[in-house]
Amino acid sequence: MNLQVRPATPDDLSGVLEVFLACWRESYRGLLPDAAIDAMTDERAEALWRRVLADPVGVVLVAERDGEIVGITRYAATPGAGGRIDGAVHSLYVSPRAHGGGIGGALLAQASAELQDAGAEAATLWVFAANLPSIGFYEAKGWHPDGATRTQPEFGEPEQRMRREWT
């Protein structure tokens, strides 16, 4: 398996959309209510990822295997209180056809290394509370629930925040 993790470009939009929508429509089916899954239309996903790929604040990485995008992650390091750098992983998706190949781990490791290089001592990410496979994946990588929860109106499903400290 020839896996390359690299920064995304606007030309990656179709591959990013394919992975993202497959995750929503296949991986999340049975974990989230159908209404939440069905709310992520092709048009909504395309508008979202066009905006994300053009956002100068965050970074999007893609995992490419044999010329095909098989995973994506988005993260950012931003100034926090008292001169601290806050790290955040905003999304991590691996094609359902490519699960188990170390793709998610490679993306998360690269994002974590880049956040550390930017000066973040810790990072957070949000995961749907019902997504036990993802929670288990993150815990195995050193991320742990920190007690914070939220429910975004557009999804209507509870999420929990996970945190990883490097110091």
N, C-alpha and C. Protein backbone atom coordinates (compact mmCIF):
# COMPACT_ATOMS: atom_id res chain seq x y z
N MET A 1 0.86 -1.18 0.00
CA MET A 1 0.00 0.00 0.00
C MET A 1 0.89 1.23 0.00
N ASN A 2 0.72 2.07 -0.97
CA ASN A 2 1.47 3.31 -1.10
C ASN A 2 0.61 4.47 -0.60
N LEU A 3 0.78 4.83 0.67
CA LEU A 3 -0.03 5.88 1.28
C LEU A 3 0.78 7.15 1.42
N GLN A 4 0.20 8.25 0.95
CA GLN A 4 0.84 9.56 1.07
C GLN A 4 -0.14 10.50 1.77
N VAL A 5 0.33 11.19 2.80
CA VAL A 5 -0.46 12.24 3.46
C VAL A 5 0.12 13.56 3.02
N ARG A 6 -0.75 14.42 2.49
CA ARG A 6 -0.29 15.70 1.95
C ARG A 6 -1.35 16.77 2.14
N PRO A 7 -0.95 18.05 2.02
CA PRO A 7 -1.95 19.13 2.08
C PRO A 7 -2.93 19.02 0.92
N ALA A 8 -4.18 19.29 1.19
CA ALA A 8 -5.21 19.28 0.15
C ALA A 8 -5.10 20.54 -0.70
N THR A 9 -5.56 20.42 -1.92
CA THR A 9 -5.66 21.57 -2.82
C THR A 9 -7.11 21.67 -3.28
N PRO A 10 -7.51 22.80 -3.86
CA PRO A 10 -8.88 22.89 -4.39
C PRO A 10 -9.19 21.80 -5.43
N ASP A 11 -8.17 21.31 -6.11
CA ASP A 11 -8.39 20.25 -7.10
C ASP A 11 -8.80 18.92 -6.47
N ASP A 12 -8.65 18.79 -5.16
CA ASP A 12 -9.01 17.56 -4.45
C ASP A 12 -10.49 17.50 -4.07
N LEU A 13 -11.25 18.53 -4.41
CA LEU A 13 -12.64 18.62 -3.95
C LEU A 13 -13.45 17.36 -4.24
N SER A 14 -13.40 16.83 -5.45
CA SER A 14 -14.25 15.67 -5.76
C SER A 14 -13.85 14.45 -4.91
N GLY A 15 -12.56 14.21 -4.70
CA GLY A 15 -12.13 13.09 -3.86
C GLY A 15 -12.51 13.29 -2.40
N VAL A 16 -12.38 14.53 -1.91
CA VAL A 16 -12.76 14.86 -0.54
C VAL A 16 -14.26 14.62 -0.35
N LEU A 17 -15.06 15.08 -1.31
CA LEU A 17 -16.51 14.88 -1.22
C LEU A 17 -16.89 13.40 -1.23
N GLU A 18 -16.21 12.63 -2.05
CA GLU A 18 -16.51 11.20 -2.11
C GLU A 18 -16.28 10.53 -0.76
N VAL A 19 -15.14 10.83 -0.12
CA VAL A 19 -14.84 10.24 1.19
C VAL A 19 -15.83 10.75 2.24
N PHE A 20 -16.03 12.05 2.28
CA PHE A 20 -16.91 12.66 3.27
C PHE A 20 -18.33 12.10 3.18
N LEU A 21 -18.89 12.09 1.98
CA LEU A 21 -20.27 11.61 1.83
C LEU A 21 -20.39 10.11 2.09
N ALA A 22 -19.37 9.34 1.73
CA ALA A 22 -19.41 7.90 2.03
C ALA A 22 -19.43 7.68 3.54
N CYS A 23 -18.65 8.47 4.26
CA CYS A 23 -18.65 8.34 5.72
C CYS A 23 -20.02 8.68 6.29
N TRP A 24 -20.59 9.79 5.84
CA TRP A 24 -21.91 10.19 6.34
C TRP A 24 -22.96 9.14 6.01
N ARG A 25 -22.94 8.65 4.79
CA ARG A 25 -24.03 7.79 4.32
C ARG A 25 -23.85 6.32 4.65
N GLU A 26 -22.60 5.89 4.87
CA GLU A 26 -22.36 4.48 5.18
C GLU A 26 -21.89 4.29 6.61
N SER A 27 -20.84 4.97 7.00
CA SER A 27 -20.26 4.75 8.33
C SER A 27 -21.18 5.25 9.44
N TYR A 28 -21.90 6.34 9.20
CA TYR A 28 -22.76 6.89 10.25
C TYR A 28 -24.14 6.24 10.28
N ARG A 29 -24.51 5.50 9.24
CA ARG A 29 -25.82 4.85 9.19
C ARG A 29 -25.89 3.86 10.34
N GLY A 30 -26.93 3.94 11.13
CA GLY A 30 -27.08 3.09 12.29
C GLY A 30 -26.52 3.69 13.56
N LEU A 31 -25.62 4.69 13.42
CA LEU A 31 -25.08 5.39 14.59
C LEU A 31 -25.86 6.67 14.87
N LEU A 32 -26.26 7.33 13.81
CA LEU A 32 -27.00 8.58 13.91
C LEU A 32 -28.38 8.40 13.29
N PRO A 33 -29.34 9.21 13.70
CA PRO A 33 -30.67 9.12 13.08
C PRO A 33 -30.60 9.39 11.58
N ASP A 34 -31.46 8.71 10.83
CA ASP A 34 -31.49 8.90 9.39
C ASP A 34 -31.69 10.36 9.00
N ALA A 35 -32.46 11.11 9.78
CA ALA A 35 -32.70 12.52 9.45
C ALA A 35 -31.40 13.32 9.47
N ALA A 36 -30.53 13.04 10.41
CA ALA A 36 -29.24 13.75 10.47
C ALA A 36 -28.37 13.38 9.27
N ILE A 37 -28.38 12.11 8.91
CA ILE A 37 -27.59 11.66 7.77
C ILE A 37 -28.15 12.24 6.48
N ASP A 38 -29.47 12.18 6.32
CA ASP A 38 -30.10 12.68 5.10
C ASP A 38 -29.98 14.19 4.95
N ALA A 39 -29.75 14.90 6.05
CA ALA A 39 -29.60 16.36 5.98
C ALA A 39 -28.31 16.76 5.28
N MET A 40 -27.35 15.84 5.19
CA MET A 40 -26.10 16.15 4.51
C MET A 40 -26.26 15.82 3.02
N THR A 41 -26.84 16.76 2.30
CA THR A 41 -27.07 16.59 0.87
C THR A 41 -25.77 16.80 0.11
N ASP A 42 -25.75 16.38 -1.14
CA ASP A 42 -24.58 16.62 -2.00
C ASP A 42 -24.26 18.11 -2.06
N GLU A 43 -25.29 18.93 -2.21
CA GLU A 43 -25.09 20.37 -2.32
C GLU A 43 -24.54 20.97 -1.04
N ARG A 44 -25.06 20.53 0.07
CA ARG A 44 -24.57 21.04 1.36
C ARG A 44 -23.12 20.62 1.59
N ALA A 45 -22.80 19.38 1.27
CA ALA A 45 -21.43 18.91 1.43
C ALA A 45 -20.47 19.67 0.52
N GLU A 46 -20.87 19.90 -0.72
CA GLU A 46 -19.99 20.63 -1.63
C GLU A 46 -19.76 22.06 -1.16
N ALA A 47 -20.80 22.74 -0.72
CA ALA A 47 -20.64 24.12 -0.22
C ALA A 47 -19.73 24.13 1.01
N LEU A 48 -19.92 23.18 1.90
CA LEU A 48 -19.10 23.09 3.10
C LEU A 48 -17.62 22.91 2.75
N TRP A 49 -17.31 21.94 1.91
CA TRP A 49 -15.91 21.65 1.61
C TRP A 49 -15.27 22.67 0.69
N ARG A 50 -16.04 23.34 -0.16
CA ARG A 50 -15.46 24.47 -0.93
C ARG A 50 -15.00 25.55 0.05
N ARG A 51 -15.83 25.84 1.04
CA ARG A 51 -15.49 26.85 2.04
C ARG A 51 -14.28 26.40 2.87
N VAL A 52 -14.27 25.15 3.29
CA VAL A 52 -13.18 24.64 4.13
C VAL A 52 -11.85 24.66 3.36
N LEU A 53 -11.87 24.22 2.11
CA LEU A 53 -10.63 24.18 1.33
C LEU A 53 -10.08 25.57 1.03
N ALA A 54 -10.95 26.59 1.06
CA ALA A 54 -10.51 27.97 0.81
C ALA A 54 -10.17 28.73 2.09
N ASP A 55 -10.46 28.14 3.26
CA ASP A 55 -10.26 28.81 4.55
C ASP A 55 -8.76 28.89 4.86
N PRO A 56 -8.22 30.11 5.01
CA PRO A 56 -6.79 30.23 5.28
C PRO A 56 -6.40 29.90 6.73
N VAL A 57 -7.37 29.78 7.64
CA VAL A 57 -7.05 29.53 9.04
C VAL A 57 -6.74 28.06 9.29
N GLY A 58 -7.48 27.18 8.71
CA GLY A 58 -7.28 25.76 8.97
C GLY A 58 -6.44 25.10 7.90
N VAL A 59 -6.08 23.85 8.18
CA VAL A 59 -5.31 23.04 7.24
C VAL A 59 -6.11 21.78 6.96
N VAL A 60 -6.16 21.39 5.71
CA VAL A 60 -6.79 20.13 5.33
C VAL A 60 -5.70 19.24 4.76
N LEU A 61 -5.63 18.04 5.29
CA LEU A 61 -4.73 17.02 4.77
C LEU A 61 -5.55 15.93 4.11
N VAL A 62 -5.02 15.36 3.04
CA VAL A 62 -5.65 14.20 2.43
C VAL A 62 -4.68 13.03 2.50
N ALA A 63 -5.23 11.85 2.63
CA ALA A 63 -4.45 10.62 2.51
C ALA A 63 -4.79 10.06 1.14
N GLU A 64 -3.75 9.83 0.38
CA GLU A 64 -3.92 9.35 -0.98
C GLU A 64 -3.22 8.01 -1.12
N ARG A 65 -3.94 7.05 -1.66
CA ARG A 65 -3.36 5.72 -1.89
C ARG A 65 -3.55 5.38 -3.35
N ASP A 66 -2.43 5.15 -4.01
CA ASP A 66 -2.44 4.79 -5.42
C ASP A 66 -3.29 5.77 -6.25
N GLY A 67 -3.13 7.06 -5.97
CA GLY A 67 -3.81 8.10 -6.74
C GLY A 67 -5.23 8.41 -6.32
N GLU A 68 -5.75 7.70 -5.32
CA GLU A 68 -7.14 7.91 -4.87
C GLU A 68 -7.15 8.48 -3.46
N ILE A 69 -7.95 9.52 -3.24
CA ILE A 69 -8.10 10.06 -1.89
C ILE A 69 -8.94 9.08 -1.08
N VAL A 70 -8.36 8.64 0.05
CA VAL A 70 -9.03 7.64 0.89
C VAL A 70 -9.28 8.16 2.31
N GLY A 71 -8.81 9.37 2.61
CA GLY A 71 -9.03 9.94 3.94
C GLY A 71 -8.75 11.43 3.94
N ILE A 72 -9.37 12.13 4.89
CA ILE A 72 -9.18 13.57 5.03
C ILE A 72 -9.22 13.95 6.51
N THR A 73 -8.49 14.98 6.84
CA THR A 73 -8.60 15.57 8.17
C THR A 73 -8.44 17.07 8.02
N ARG A 74 -9.01 17.78 8.96
CA ARG A 74 -8.93 19.25 8.99
C ARG A 74 -8.58 19.65 10.41
N TYR A 75 -7.61 20.55 10.54
CA TYR A 75 -7.18 20.98 11.87
C TYR A 75 -6.73 22.43 11.82
N ALA A 76 -6.54 23.01 13.02
CA ALA A 76 -6.08 24.40 13.11
C ALA A 76 -5.37 24.62 14.44
N ALA A 77 -4.37 25.48 14.39
CA ALA A 77 -3.70 25.99 15.59
C ALA A 77 -4.01 27.48 15.64
N THR A 78 -4.65 27.92 16.72
CA THR A 78 -5.06 29.32 16.83
C THR A 78 -4.58 29.90 18.15
N PRO A 79 -4.38 31.24 18.18
CA PRO A 79 -3.97 31.87 19.45
C PRO A 79 -5.04 31.70 20.51
N GLY A 80 -4.60 31.34 21.71
CA GLY A 80 -5.50 31.19 22.84
C GLY A 80 -5.17 32.21 23.92
N ALA A 81 -5.77 32.06 25.06
CA ALA A 81 -5.56 32.99 26.18
C ALA A 81 -4.14 32.87 26.71
N GLY A 82 -3.57 33.98 27.15
CA GLY A 82 -2.27 34.00 27.79
C GLY A 82 -1.12 33.56 26.89
N GLY A 83 -1.26 33.75 25.58
CA GLY A 83 -0.20 33.38 24.66
C GLY A 83 -0.17 31.90 24.29
N ARG A 84 -1.10 31.15 24.81
CA ARG A 84 -1.19 29.72 24.53
C ARG A 84 -1.64 29.51 23.07
N ILE A 85 -1.23 28.42 22.48
CA ILE A 85 -1.71 28.02 21.15
C ILE A 85 -2.72 26.90 21.36
N ASP A 86 -3.93 27.10 20.86
CA ASP A 86 -4.97 26.08 20.96
C ASP A 86 -4.96 25.23 19.70
N GLY A 87 -4.91 23.94 19.87
CA GLY A 87 -4.97 23.01 18.75
C GLY A 87 -6.34 22.37 18.68
N ALA A 88 -6.83 22.18 17.46
CA ALA A 88 -8.13 21.54 17.28
C ALA A 88 -8.11 20.71 16.01
N VAL A 89 -8.60 19.49 16.12
CA VAL A 89 -8.86 18.66 14.95
C VAL A 89 -10.36 18.80 14.69
N HIS A 90 -10.70 19.34 13.53
CA HIS A 90 -12.10 19.63 13.25
C HIS A 90 -12.82 18.48 12.54
N SER A 91 -12.08 17.60 11.90
CA SER A 91 -12.73 16.46 11.24
C SER A 91 -11.68 15.43 10.87
N LEU A 92 -12.13 14.19 10.79
CA LEU A 92 -11.28 13.08 10.34
C LEU A 92 -12.22 12.05 9.72
N TYR A 93 -12.02 11.80 8.44
CA TYR A 93 -12.87 10.86 7.72
C TYR A 93 -12.00 9.90 6.92
N VAL A 94 -12.31 8.62 6.97
CA VAL A 94 -11.62 7.60 6.19
C VAL A 94 -12.69 6.85 5.39
N SER A 95 -12.43 6.67 4.12
CA SER A 95 -13.37 5.96 3.26
C SER A 95 -13.75 4.62 3.88
N PRO A 96 -15.04 4.29 3.92
CA PRO A 96 -15.45 3.00 4.47
C PRO A 96 -14.78 1.82 3.76
N ARG A 97 -14.41 2.00 2.50
CA ARG A 97 -13.74 0.93 1.74
C ARG A 97 -12.29 0.75 2.17
N ALA A 98 -11.74 1.72 2.90
CA ALA A 98 -10.32 1.70 3.24
C ALA A 98 -10.06 1.57 4.74
N HIS A 99 -11.09 1.32 5.54
CA HIS A 99 -10.90 1.20 7.00
C HIS A 99 -9.93 0.08 7.32
N GLY A 100 -9.18 0.27 8.38
CA GLY A 100 -8.28 -0.76 8.85
C GLY A 100 -6.90 -0.72 8.22
N GLY A 101 -6.65 0.23 7.36
CA GLY A 101 -5.35 0.29 6.69
C GLY A 101 -4.39 1.29 7.30
N GLY A 102 -4.70 1.80 8.50
CA GLY A 102 -3.82 2.76 9.15
C GLY A 102 -3.97 4.18 8.64
N ILE A 103 -4.97 4.43 7.82
CA ILE A 103 -5.15 5.74 7.20
C ILE A 103 -5.54 6.79 8.23
N GLY A 104 -6.51 6.48 9.07
CA GLY A 104 -6.92 7.43 10.11
C GLY A 104 -5.78 7.74 11.06
N GLY A 105 -5.03 6.72 11.44
CA GLY A 105 -3.88 6.92 12.33
C GLY A 105 -2.82 7.80 11.69
N ALA A 106 -2.57 7.60 10.39
CA ALA A 106 -1.57 8.41 9.69
C ALA A 106 -2.00 9.86 9.60
N LEU A 107 -3.27 10.09 9.31
CA LEU A 107 -3.78 11.46 9.23
C LEU A 107 -3.73 12.14 10.60
N LEU A 108 -4.18 11.43 11.63
CA LEU A 108 -4.19 12.00 12.98
C LEU A 108 -2.77 12.27 13.47
N ALA A 109 -1.84 11.38 13.17
CA ALA A 109 -0.45 11.58 13.59
C ALA A 109 0.15 12.80 12.91
N GLN A 110 -0.12 12.98 11.62
CA GLN A 110 0.43 14.13 10.89
C GLN A 110 -0.17 15.43 11.42
N ALA A 111 -1.49 15.45 11.63
CA ALA A 111 -2.13 16.65 12.16
C ALA A 111 -1.60 16.96 13.56
N SER A 112 -1.44 15.94 14.39
CA SER A 112 -0.92 16.13 15.75
C SER A 112 0.49 16.68 15.72
N ALA A 113 1.34 16.13 14.87
CA ALA A 113 2.73 16.60 14.76
C ALA A 113 2.78 18.06 14.32
N GLU A 114 1.93 18.41 13.37
CA GLU A 114 1.92 19.79 12.88
C GLU A 114 1.37 20.75 13.94
N LEU A 115 0.39 20.31 14.71
CA LEU A 115 -0.11 21.15 15.80
C LEU A 115 0.97 21.35 16.86
N GLN A 116 1.70 20.29 17.19
CA GLN A 116 2.80 20.42 18.15
C GLN A 116 3.87 21.36 17.61
N ASP A 117 4.21 21.23 16.33
CA ASP A 117 5.21 22.11 15.71
C ASP A 117 4.77 23.58 15.76
N ALA A 118 3.45 23.80 15.72
CA ALA A 118 2.92 25.16 15.78
C ALA A 118 2.89 25.70 17.21
N GLY A 119 3.22 24.86 18.19
CA GLY A 119 3.28 25.30 19.58
C GLY A 119 2.12 24.88 20.45
N ALA A 120 1.19 24.08 19.92
CA ALA A 120 0.07 23.62 20.74
C ALA A 120 0.56 22.56 21.72
N GLU A 121 0.22 22.72 22.98
CA GLU A 121 0.56 21.74 24.00
C GLU A 121 -0.52 20.67 24.13
N ALA A 122 -1.68 20.97 23.57
CA ALA A 122 -2.81 20.04 23.61
C ALA A 122 -3.72 20.37 22.43
N ALA A 123 -4.63 19.45 22.16
CA ALA A 123 -5.63 19.68 21.12
C ALA A 123 -6.93 19.02 21.54
N THR A 124 -8.00 19.47 20.94
CA THR A 124 -9.32 18.90 21.19
C THR A 124 -9.96 18.51 19.86
N LEU A 125 -10.94 17.64 19.96
CA LEU A 125 -11.78 17.30 18.81
C LEU A 125 -13.15 16.91 19.34
N TRP A 126 -14.15 17.02 18.48
CA TRP A 126 -15.52 16.65 18.85
C TRP A 126 -15.90 15.40 18.07
N VAL A 127 -16.59 14.49 18.74
CA VAL A 127 -17.04 13.25 18.12
C VAL A 127 -18.48 12.99 18.58
N PHE A 128 -19.30 12.49 17.66
CA PHE A 128 -20.67 12.16 18.05
C PHE A 128 -20.62 11.12 19.18
N ALA A 129 -21.36 11.36 20.24
CA ALA A 129 -21.35 10.49 21.41
C ALA A 129 -21.79 9.06 21.06
N ALA A 130 -22.62 8.91 20.04
CA ALA A 130 -23.09 7.58 19.64
C ALA A 130 -22.07 6.84 18.77
N ASN A 131 -21.01 7.52 18.36
CA ASN A 131 -20.04 6.91 17.46
C ASN A 131 -18.95 6.19 18.26
N LEU A 132 -19.33 5.09 18.88
CA LEU A 132 -18.42 4.35 19.75
C LEU A 132 -17.17 3.83 19.04
N PRO A 133 -17.27 3.40 17.76
CA PRO A 133 -16.03 2.98 17.09
C PRO A 133 -15.01 4.12 16.98
N SER A 134 -15.47 5.32 16.67
CA SER A 134 -14.55 6.46 16.57
C SER A 134 -13.99 6.83 17.94
N ILE A 135 -14.82 6.80 18.95
CA ILE A 135 -14.34 7.12 20.30
C ILE A 135 -13.24 6.13 20.70
N GLY A 136 -13.46 4.85 20.43
CA GLY A 136 -12.46 3.84 20.72
C GLY A 136 -11.17 4.06 19.95
N PHE A 137 -11.28 4.46 18.69
CA PHE A 137 -10.11 4.76 17.87
C PHE A 137 -9.31 5.90 18.49
N TYR A 138 -10.00 6.99 18.83
CA TYR A 138 -9.30 8.15 19.41
C TYR A 138 -8.67 7.80 20.76
N GLU A 139 -9.37 7.06 21.59
CA GLU A 139 -8.80 6.68 22.89
C GLU A 139 -7.54 5.85 22.70
N ALA A 140 -7.53 4.97 21.72
CA ALA A 140 -6.33 4.17 21.45
C ALA A 140 -5.16 5.03 20.99
N LYS A 141 -5.45 6.20 20.47
CA LYS A 141 -4.41 7.13 20.01
C LYS A 141 -4.05 8.17 21.07
N GLY A 142 -4.59 8.03 22.29
CA GLY A 142 -4.22 8.92 23.39
C GLY A 142 -5.15 10.09 23.63
N TRP A 143 -6.29 10.11 22.97
CA TRP A 143 -7.30 11.16 23.16
C TRP A 143 -8.31 10.64 24.18
N HIS A 144 -8.78 11.53 25.08
CA HIS A 144 -9.73 11.10 26.10
C HIS A 144 -10.83 12.14 26.28
N PRO A 145 -12.05 11.69 26.61
CA PRO A 145 -13.13 12.64 26.87
C PRO A 145 -12.74 13.58 28.01
N ASP A 146 -13.05 14.87 27.83
CA ASP A 146 -12.72 15.84 28.89
C ASP A 146 -13.95 16.35 29.63
N GLY A 147 -15.11 15.75 29.34
CA GLY A 147 -16.33 16.10 30.06
C GLY A 147 -17.21 17.13 29.35
N ALA A 148 -16.69 17.81 28.35
CA ALA A 148 -17.49 18.81 27.63
C ALA A 148 -18.39 18.11 26.61
N THR A 149 -19.61 18.62 26.48
CA THR A 149 -20.56 18.09 25.50
C THR A 149 -21.22 19.25 24.78
N ARG A 150 -21.78 18.96 23.62
CA ARG A 150 -22.54 19.96 22.86
C ARG A 150 -23.49 19.23 21.93
N THR A 151 -24.48 19.96 21.47
CA THR A 151 -25.37 19.48 20.42
C THR A 151 -25.52 20.62 19.42
N GLN A 152 -25.02 20.41 18.22
CA GLN A 152 -25.15 21.42 17.18
C GLN A 152 -26.54 21.32 16.56
N PRO A 153 -27.23 22.45 16.42
CA PRO A 153 -28.60 22.41 15.91
C PRO A 153 -28.76 21.74 14.55
N GLU A 154 -27.75 21.90 13.68
CA GLU A 154 -27.89 21.32 12.34
C GLU A 154 -27.83 19.80 12.32
N PHE A 155 -27.27 19.19 13.38
CA PHE A 155 -27.20 17.74 13.43
C PHE A 155 -28.13 17.16 14.48
N GLY A 156 -28.36 17.89 15.57
CA GLY A 156 -29.28 17.46 16.60
C GLY A 156 -28.82 16.26 17.41
N GLU A 157 -27.57 15.90 17.29
CA GLU A 157 -27.04 14.74 18.01
C GLU A 157 -25.96 15.20 18.99
N PRO A 158 -25.95 14.65 20.20
CA PRO A 158 -24.94 15.04 21.18
C PRO A 158 -23.53 14.62 20.74
N GLU A 159 -22.59 15.49 21.04
CA GLU A 159 -21.18 15.23 20.78
C GLU A 159 -20.42 15.36 22.09
N GLN A 160 -19.31 14.68 22.19
CA GLN A 160 -18.44 14.84 23.33
C GLN A 160 -17.08 15.33 22.84
N ARG A 161 -16.44 16.13 23.68
CA ARG A 161 -15.12 16.63 23.31
C ARG A 161 -14.06 15.71 23.87
N MET A 162 -13.05 15.45 23.04
CA MET A 162 -11.92 14.65 23.45
C MET A 162 -10.69 15.52 23.39
N ARG A 163 -9.71 15.21 24.24
CA ARG A 163 -8.52 16.05 24.38
C ARG A 163 -7.27 15.16 24.39
N ARG A 164 -6.23 15.71 23.82
CA ARG A 164 -4.92 15.06 23.85
C ARG A 164 -3.87 16.09 24.25
N GLU A 165 -3.09 15.77 25.26
CA GLU A 165 -2.01 16.66 25.70
C GLU A 165 -0.68 16.02 25.32
N TRP A 166 0.26 16.88 24.91
CA TRP A 166 1.57 16.37 24.50
C TRP A 166 2.67 16.74 25.51
N THR A 167 2.34 17.53 26.50
CA THR A 167 3.39 17.93 27.45
C THR A 167 3.28 17.15 28.74
